[in-house]
């Protein structure tokens, strides 16, 4: 019996750790600035345009 722990304090510490883990996940998911979001969207649009421009056959009604 060398380590006596207070169960109330242990329970509260566990809840704090769980809240911090959830907060970190939310920061990673939603914590980007508007500039970072716009930069990502612009990069994605640039990638799509480059990919579409490199197509060999055009899609559409006039393609034969």
N, C-alpha and C. Protein backbone atom coordinates (compact mmCIF):
# COMPACT_ATOMS: atom_id res chain seq x y z
N UNK A 1 0.84 -1.19 0.00
CA UNK A 1 0.00 0.00 0.00
C UNK A 1 0.88 1.24 0.00
N UNK A 2 1.74 1.34 -0.97
CA UNK A 2 2.65 2.49 -0.94
C UNK A 2 2.12 3.68 -1.73
N UNK A 3 1.19 3.50 -2.68
CA UNK A 3 0.65 4.64 -3.42
C UNK A 3 -0.84 4.78 -3.14
N UNK A 4 -1.19 5.80 -2.40
CA UNK A 4 -2.60 6.08 -2.12
C UNK A 4 -3.01 7.21 -3.06
N UNK A 5 -4.09 6.96 -3.82
CA UNK A 5 -4.55 7.99 -4.75
C UNK A 5 -5.97 8.40 -4.39
N UNK A 6 -6.25 9.63 -4.64
CA UNK A 6 -7.59 10.15 -4.43
C UNK A 6 -8.36 9.89 -5.72
N UNK A 7 -9.41 9.08 -5.65
CA UNK A 7 -10.15 8.70 -6.85
C UNK A 7 -10.83 9.89 -7.50
N UNK A 8 -11.30 10.83 -6.73
CA UNK A 8 -11.94 12.03 -7.29
C UNK A 8 -10.93 12.81 -8.12
N UNK A 9 -9.74 12.99 -7.59
CA UNK A 9 -8.71 13.71 -8.33
C UNK A 9 -8.27 12.95 -9.57
N UNK A 10 -8.18 11.63 -9.47
CA UNK A 10 -7.80 10.82 -10.62
C UNK A 10 -8.86 10.91 -11.71
N UNK A 11 -10.13 10.88 -11.32
CA UNK A 11 -11.22 10.98 -12.29
C UNK A 11 -11.21 12.33 -12.99
N UNK A 12 -11.00 13.39 -12.23
CA UNK A 12 -10.95 14.73 -12.82
C UNK A 12 -9.74 14.88 -13.74
N UNK A 13 -8.62 14.30 -13.38
CA UNK A 13 -7.42 14.37 -14.23
C UNK A 13 -7.67 13.63 -15.53
N UNK A 14 -8.35 12.49 -15.45
CA UNK A 14 -8.66 11.72 -16.65
C UNK A 14 -9.60 12.52 -17.55
N UNK A 15 -10.59 13.21 -16.99
CA UNK A 15 -11.51 14.02 -17.78
C UNK A 15 -10.77 15.18 -18.44
N UNK A 16 -9.84 15.81 -17.71
CA UNK A 16 -9.06 16.91 -18.29
C UNK A 16 -8.21 16.41 -19.46
N UNK A 17 -7.60 15.25 -19.30
CA UNK A 17 -6.79 14.68 -20.39
C UNK A 17 -7.64 14.38 -21.61
N UNK A 18 -8.85 13.86 -21.40
CA UNK A 18 -9.75 13.55 -22.52
C UNK A 18 -10.18 14.84 -23.22
N UNK A 19 -10.49 15.88 -22.46
CA UNK A 19 -10.88 17.15 -23.06
C UNK A 19 -9.73 17.75 -23.85
N UNK A 20 -8.52 17.64 -23.35
CA UNK A 20 -7.36 18.17 -24.06
C UNK A 20 -7.13 17.41 -25.36
N UNK A 21 -7.31 16.08 -25.34
CA UNK A 21 -7.15 15.28 -26.55
C UNK A 21 -8.19 15.69 -27.60
N UNK A 22 -9.42 15.91 -27.17
CA UNK A 22 -10.47 16.34 -28.08
C UNK A 22 -10.18 17.74 -28.62
N UNK A 23 -9.68 18.62 -27.76
CA UNK A 23 -9.36 19.98 -28.19
C UNK A 23 -8.24 19.96 -29.23
N UNK A 24 -7.26 19.11 -29.06
CA UNK A 24 -6.18 19.01 -30.04
C UNK A 24 -6.71 18.53 -31.38
N UNK A 25 -7.60 17.58 -31.35
CA UNK A 25 -8.19 17.08 -32.60
C UNK A 25 -8.97 18.19 -33.29
N UNK A 26 -9.74 18.97 -32.53
CA UNK A 26 -10.51 20.06 -33.11
C UNK A 26 -9.61 21.17 -33.65
N UNK A 27 -8.50 21.45 -32.95
CA UNK A 27 -7.57 22.47 -33.45
C UNK A 27 -6.97 22.03 -34.77
N UNK A 28 -6.66 20.75 -34.88
CA UNK A 28 -6.10 20.25 -36.14
C UNK A 28 -7.13 20.30 -37.25
N UNK A 29 -8.38 20.06 -36.91
CA UNK A 29 -9.43 20.00 -37.93
C UNK A 29 -9.92 21.38 -38.34
N UNK A 30 -10.13 22.27 -37.37
CA UNK A 30 -10.76 23.56 -37.65
C UNK A 30 -9.85 24.76 -37.42
N UNK A 31 -8.64 24.55 -36.98
CA UNK A 31 -7.81 25.66 -36.52
C UNK A 31 -6.96 26.33 -37.57
N UNK A 32 -7.40 26.35 -38.81
CA UNK A 32 -6.60 27.02 -39.84
C UNK A 32 -7.12 28.43 -40.05
N UNK A 33 -6.23 29.34 -40.38
CA UNK A 33 -6.64 30.71 -40.64
C UNK A 33 -7.29 30.80 -42.02
N UNK A 34 -7.95 31.92 -42.26
CA UNK A 34 -8.61 32.11 -43.56
C UNK A 34 -7.58 32.09 -44.69
N UNK A 35 -6.43 32.69 -44.46
CA UNK A 35 -5.38 32.71 -45.48
C UNK A 35 -4.90 31.29 -45.81
N UNK A 36 -4.75 30.45 -44.78
CA UNK A 36 -4.33 29.07 -45.02
C UNK A 36 -5.39 28.30 -45.80
N UNK A 37 -6.67 28.51 -45.45
CA UNK A 37 -7.74 27.84 -46.18
C UNK A 37 -7.77 28.28 -47.64
N UNK A 38 -7.65 29.60 -47.88
CA UNK A 38 -7.67 30.11 -49.25
C UNK A 38 -6.48 29.60 -50.05
N UNK A 39 -5.33 29.51 -49.41
CA UNK A 39 -4.13 29.01 -50.09
C UNK A 39 -4.32 27.55 -50.49
N UNK A 40 -4.89 26.76 -49.60
CA UNK A 40 -5.15 25.36 -49.91
C UNK A 40 -6.14 25.22 -51.06
N UNK A 41 -7.22 26.01 -51.02
CA UNK A 41 -8.22 25.97 -52.08
C UNK A 41 -7.63 26.41 -53.41
N UNK A 42 -6.79 27.44 -53.41
CA UNK A 42 -6.16 27.91 -54.64
C UNK A 42 -5.22 26.85 -55.20
N UNK A 43 -4.47 26.19 -54.34
CA UNK A 43 -3.57 25.13 -54.79
C UNK A 43 -4.34 23.96 -55.39
N UNK A 44 -5.47 23.62 -54.77
CA UNK A 44 -6.31 22.54 -55.30
C UNK A 44 -6.89 22.94 -56.66
N UNK A 45 -7.35 24.18 -56.81
CA UNK A 45 -7.90 24.65 -58.09
C UNK A 45 -6.81 24.65 -59.16
N UNK A 46 -5.60 25.06 -58.79
CA UNK A 46 -4.48 25.08 -59.73
C UNK A 46 -4.14 23.65 -60.17
N UNK A 47 -4.18 22.71 -59.24
CA UNK A 47 -3.89 21.32 -59.56
C UNK A 47 -4.95 20.75 -60.51
N UNK A 48 -6.22 21.07 -60.28
CA UNK A 48 -7.31 20.58 -61.14
C UNK A 48 -7.19 21.18 -62.54
N UNK A 49 -6.88 22.48 -62.63
CA UNK A 49 -6.73 23.11 -63.94
C UNK A 49 -5.58 22.48 -64.72
N UNK A 50 -4.46 22.23 -64.05
CA UNK A 50 -3.31 21.63 -64.71
C UNK A 50 -3.64 20.22 -65.18
N UNK A 51 -4.36 19.49 -64.38
CA UNK A 51 -4.73 18.13 -64.76
C UNK A 51 -5.71 18.14 -65.93
N UNK A 52 -6.69 19.04 -65.91
CA UNK A 52 -7.65 19.13 -67.01
C UNK A 52 -6.98 19.62 -68.30
N UNK A 53 -6.01 20.50 -68.18
CA UNK A 53 -5.32 21.01 -69.35
C UNK A 53 -4.42 19.97 -70.00
N UNK A 54 -4.05 18.94 -69.26
CA UNK A 54 -3.16 17.93 -69.79
C UNK A 54 -3.91 16.74 -70.37
N UNK A 55 -5.22 16.82 -70.44
CA UNK A 55 -6.01 15.71 -70.99
C UNK A 55 -5.74 15.56 -72.49
N UNK A 56 -5.74 14.35 -72.94
CA UNK A 56 -5.52 14.08 -74.36
C UNK A 56 -6.82 14.21 -75.14
N UNK A 57 -7.89 13.74 -74.57
CA UNK A 57 -9.19 13.81 -75.24
C UNK A 57 -10.10 14.73 -74.46
N UNK A 58 -10.76 15.59 -75.18
CA UNK A 58 -11.70 16.50 -74.53
C UNK A 58 -13.02 15.78 -74.32
N UNK A 59 -13.64 16.03 -73.19
CA UNK A 59 -14.94 15.45 -72.91
C UNK A 59 -16.00 16.45 -73.30
N UNK A 60 -17.16 15.98 -73.71
CA UNK A 60 -18.25 16.88 -74.04
C UNK A 60 -19.01 16.41 -75.26
N UNK A 61 -20.02 17.16 -75.67
CA UNK A 61 -20.86 16.75 -76.80
C UNK A 61 -20.15 16.81 -78.15
N UNK A 62 -19.13 17.68 -78.31
CA UNK A 62 -18.46 17.82 -79.59
C UNK A 62 -17.29 16.83 -79.75
N UNK A 63 -17.00 16.05 -78.73
CA UNK A 63 -15.91 15.07 -78.81
C UNK A 63 -16.36 13.88 -79.64
N UNK A 64 -15.51 13.45 -80.56
CA UNK A 64 -15.86 12.32 -81.43
C UNK A 64 -14.89 11.18 -81.23
